[in-house]
Amino acid sequence: MKKLVCILAIAFCFASHPAMAYRDGYGYGNPYYGFLPYFSLTGGAWIPAHTTSNDVSLNPAETHYDGGVGISGALGAELGPFFRLENELSYRYASERIGGGDTWAFAWMLNAWLQAKNQTPVTPYFGGGFGLGRGHVVSAGPWDGDITGVAYQAGCGLDILLDRRTSLDIGYRYFGITDSNNNNGGGGLAGSTISAGVRVRF
């Protein structure tokens, strides 16, 4: 019985450590009113939507893709308890389901996130961003499938505090690039990303 009590006490200490770290403040600053810079790295699965392009007869043809991968890195700052801004670079890649083609997207974006900080280590957030994007889709015709245009995303997630400086970030993003060239009859590319990563305050 004494061993069981000791084990439960130790488990409680480990479980309550992130919440205690939050209440004590993190990053050597005030989490409610301070300017708190951070950087983050994330990776996960990208599920691109099908794309449409014109074939040699100028008829629209759809291309479907397998699930791919996505990675991103961001540098930003928390501006009080409910808002943060960040500068993000991201890359996504997936292969064509039938055939040897592929699709990819590279983007630079400015994101704004609203977050609901509380007295637990788990902080829900949501928001989105805009920027510039460069990508490629499979073309059914002789035209190239390159895309250049406005990149956009919207998403939500959970920021789980691990210690004073570090958080685990689990999130969902719907990402896309508009096709400003529209040289292959398509309408850009888009898809969903499910990711996990780490965010470090400094």
Protein backbone atom coordinates (compact mmCIF):
# COMPACT_ATOMS: atom_id res chain seq x y z
CA MET A 1 0.00 0.00 0.00
CA LYS A 2 2.80 2.41 0.83
CA LYS A 3 4.49 1.61 -2.49
CA LEU A 4 1.25 2.35 -4.35
CA VAL A 5 0.87 5.69 -2.59
CA CYS A 6 4.47 6.61 -3.46
CA ILE A 7 3.96 5.67 -7.12
CA LEU A 8 0.77 7.72 -7.34
CA ALA A 9 2.47 10.69 -5.68
CA ILE A 10 5.38 10.57 -8.15
CA ALA A 11 2.99 10.28 -11.12
CA PHE A 12 1.01 13.27 -9.86
CA CYS A 13 4.19 15.34 -9.60
CA PHE A 14 5.16 14.56 -13.20
CA ALA A 15 1.64 15.19 -14.49
CA SER A 16 1.30 18.52 -12.69
CA HIS A 17 4.75 19.79 -13.69
CA PRO A 18 3.65 21.51 -16.95
CA ALA A 19 0.72 23.22 -15.22
CA MET A 20 3.01 24.41 -12.41
CA ALA A 21 5.46 25.68 -15.01
CA TYR A 22 2.68 27.68 -16.62
CA ARG A 23 1.49 29.21 -13.36
CA ASP A 24 5.04 30.18 -12.46
CA GLY A 25 5.50 31.88 -15.86
CA TYR A 26 7.68 30.63 -18.70
CA GLY A 27 10.50 31.94 -20.81
CA TYR A 28 11.60 34.22 -17.95
CA GLY A 29 8.82 36.64 -18.90
CA ASN A 30 5.25 37.41 -17.97
CA PRO A 31 2.98 35.09 -20.00
CA TYR A 32 0.07 37.52 -19.78
CA TYR A 33 1.56 40.82 -20.78
CA GLY A 34 5.06 40.24 -22.14
CA PHE A 35 6.50 39.98 -25.65
CA LEU A 36 7.63 36.35 -25.89
CA PRO A 37 9.52 35.27 -29.05
CA TYR A 38 9.62 31.64 -30.17
CA PHE A 39 10.54 29.32 -33.00
CA SER A 40 8.82 26.12 -34.05
CA LEU A 41 9.41 23.07 -36.23
CA THR A 42 6.60 20.77 -37.35
CA GLY A 43 6.09 17.82 -39.64
CA GLY A 44 3.25 15.54 -40.62
CA ALA A 45 0.98 14.18 -43.31
CA TRP A 46 -0.27 16.21 -46.28
CA ILE A 47 -3.44 15.03 -48.03
CA PRO A 48 -3.72 17.03 -51.26
CA ALA A 49 -7.05 17.47 -53.00
CA HIS A 50 -7.36 16.36 -56.62
CA THR A 51 -6.33 18.89 -59.24
CA THR A 52 -7.81 19.69 -62.64
CA SER A 53 -5.96 20.52 -65.86
CA ASN A 54 -6.70 20.55 -69.58
CA ASP A 55 -5.66 17.60 -71.72
CA VAL A 56 -4.50 17.87 -75.34
CA SER A 57 -8.14 18.27 -76.47
CA LEU A 58 -8.65 21.09 -73.96
CA ASN A 59 -11.02 18.91 -71.95
CA PRO A 60 -10.70 19.08 -68.14
CA ALA A 61 -9.07 16.05 -66.54
CA GLU A 62 -8.70 15.27 -62.84
CA THR A 63 -5.54 14.01 -61.15
CA HIS A 64 -5.62 12.29 -57.75
CA TYR A 65 -2.72 11.96 -55.33
CA ASP A 66 -1.58 9.70 -52.53
CA GLY A 67 -0.96 11.13 -49.09
CA GLY A 68 2.35 12.93 -48.77
CA VAL A 69 4.44 14.80 -46.23
CA GLY A 70 4.69 18.38 -45.05
CA ILE A 71 7.28 20.24 -42.98
CA SER A 72 7.39 23.81 -41.72
CA GLY A 73 9.43 26.16 -39.57
CA ALA A 74 8.27 29.41 -38.01
CA LEU A 75 9.68 32.35 -36.09
CA GLY A 76 7.16 34.39 -34.13
CA ALA A 77 6.13 36.00 -30.87
CA GLU A 78 3.34 35.78 -28.34
CA LEU A 79 1.75 39.19 -27.80
CA GLY A 80 -0.04 38.63 -24.53
CA PRO A 81 -2.17 35.67 -23.52
CA PHE A 82 -4.52 35.52 -26.51
CA PHE A 83 -2.62 36.42 -29.67
CA ARG A 84 0.56 35.50 -31.54
CA LEU A 85 2.10 36.37 -34.90
CA GLU A 86 4.62 34.33 -36.87
CA ASN A 87 6.63 34.17 -40.06
CA GLU A 88 6.50 30.65 -41.60
CA LEU A 89 8.25 28.69 -44.34
CA SER A 90 6.69 25.40 -45.41
CA TYR A 91 7.15 22.61 -47.95
CA ARG A 92 4.69 19.88 -48.96
CA TYR A 93 5.07 16.93 -51.34
CA ALA A 94 2.89 14.08 -52.60
CA SER A 95 2.97 11.57 -55.48
CA GLU A 96 0.36 10.98 -58.15
CA ARG A 97 -1.89 8.02 -57.34
CA ILE A 98 -1.66 6.55 -60.85
CA GLY A 99 1.38 7.52 -62.88
CA GLY A 100 4.79 8.92 -62.12
CA GLY A 101 3.90 12.54 -61.50
CA ASP A 102 3.91 14.51 -58.27
CA THR A 103 2.70 17.69 -56.64
CA TRP A 104 4.60 19.98 -54.31
CA ALA A 105 4.18 23.37 -52.69
CA PHE A 106 6.60 25.84 -51.13
CA ALA A 107 5.23 28.84 -49.26
CA TRP A 108 6.25 31.83 -47.18
CA MET A 109 3.43 33.08 -44.97
CA LEU A 110 2.50 35.50 -42.22
CA ASN A 111 0.19 33.81 -39.70
CA ALA A 112 -1.98 35.13 -36.88
CA TRP A 113 -3.23 32.80 -34.15
CA LEU A 114 -5.80 33.38 -31.42
CA GLN A 115 -5.19 31.25 -28.36
CA ALA A 116 -7.19 30.54 -25.20
CA LYS A 117 -4.61 30.34 -22.41
CA ASN A 118 -5.85 28.95 -19.12
CA GLN A 119 -4.54 27.43 -15.91
CA THR A 120 -3.83 24.07 -17.54
CA PRO A 121 -0.89 23.09 -19.77
CA VAL A 122 -3.21 22.70 -22.81
CA THR A 123 -3.94 25.82 -24.90
CA PRO A 124 -6.38 25.58 -27.83
CA TYR A 125 -5.73 27.94 -30.76
CA PHE A 126 -7.08 28.78 -34.21
CA GLY A 127 -6.29 31.22 -36.99
CA GLY A 128 -4.65 31.40 -40.40
CA GLY A 129 -2.41 33.35 -42.72
CA PHE A 130 -1.54 34.59 -46.20
CA GLY A 131 1.66 34.83 -48.20
CA LEU A 132 3.37 33.81 -51.41
CA GLY A 133 3.44 30.30 -52.82
CA ARG A 134 5.16 28.33 -55.55
CA GLY A 135 3.96 24.84 -56.47
CA HIS A 136 3.50 22.16 -59.08
CA VAL A 137 0.64 19.85 -60.10
CA VAL A 138 0.40 17.08 -62.65
CA SER A 139 -0.71 18.40 -66.05
CA ALA A 140 -2.81 16.18 -68.31
CA GLY A 141 -1.74 18.14 -71.38
CA PRO A 142 1.45 19.53 -72.89
CA TRP A 143 1.40 22.58 -70.61
CA ASP A 144 3.55 22.75 -67.52
CA GLY A 145 1.87 22.36 -64.15
CA ASP A 146 3.77 25.08 -62.30
CA ILE A 147 1.77 27.38 -60.05
CA THR A 148 2.69 30.76 -58.59
CA GLY A 149 0.23 32.78 -56.56
CA VAL A 150 -1.18 33.70 -53.18
CA ALA A 151 -0.70 31.06 -50.48
CA TYR A 152 -3.31 30.80 -47.75
CA GLN A 153 -4.13 28.57 -44.81
CA ALA A 154 -6.55 28.22 -41.92
CA GLY A 155 -6.32 25.84 -39.02
CA CYS A 156 -6.52 25.01 -35.36
CA GLY A 157 -4.63 22.97 -32.82
CA LEU A 158 -3.47 22.34 -29.27
CA ASP A 159 -0.35 23.75 -27.66
CA ILE A 160 0.68 21.42 -24.82
CA LEU A 161 3.17 22.95 -22.41
CA LEU A 162 6.03 20.59 -21.51
CA ASP A 163 8.20 22.98 -19.47
CA ARG A 164 8.87 26.70 -19.12
CA ARG A 165 10.23 27.00 -22.64
CA THR A 166 8.93 24.07 -24.67
CA SER A 167 5.52 23.06 -26.01
CA LEU A 168 4.22 20.19 -28.10
CA ASP A 169 2.12 21.52 -30.99
CA ILE A 170 -0.55 19.27 -32.54
CA GLY A 171 -2.45 20.93 -35.34
CA TYR A 172 -4.56 20.84 -38.49
CA ARG A 173 -4.10 23.16 -41.48
CA TYR A 174 -6.06 23.59 -44.68
CA PHE A 175 -3.51 25.01 -47.11
CA GLY A 176 -3.65 26.14 -50.72
CA ILE A 177 -2.08 28.22 -53.48
CA THR A 178 -4.15 30.13 -56.03
CA ASP A 179 -3.03 29.77 -59.65
CA SER A 180 -2.38 33.30 -60.87
CA ASN A 181 -0.92 32.01 -64.17
CA ASN A 182 -3.74 29.56 -64.94
CA ASN A 183 -1.73 28.29 -67.89
CA ASN A 184 -2.94 24.69 -67.73
CA GLY A 185 -6.63 25.17 -67.10
CA GLY A 186 -6.35 24.40 -63.39
CA GLY A 187 -7.40 26.34 -60.35
CA GLY A 188 -4.42 25.98 -58.06
CA LEU A 189 -3.74 23.35 -55.44
CA ALA A 190 -5.01 22.73 -51.91
CA GLY A 191 -5.12 20.08 -49.23
CA SER A 192 -5.15 19.20 -45.55
CA THR A 193 -2.16 18.84 -43.26
CA ILE A 194 -2.13 17.04 -39.90
CA SER A 195 1.08 17.74 -38.03
CA ALA A 196 2.95 17.58 -34.76
CA GLY A 197 5.97 19.56 -33.70
CA VAL A 198 7.78 21.49 -31.03
CA ARG A 199 7.65 25.18 -30.13
CA VAL A 200 10.50 26.69 -28.11
CA ARG A 201 10.32 30.10 -26.40
CA PHE A 202 13.46 32.14 -25.84
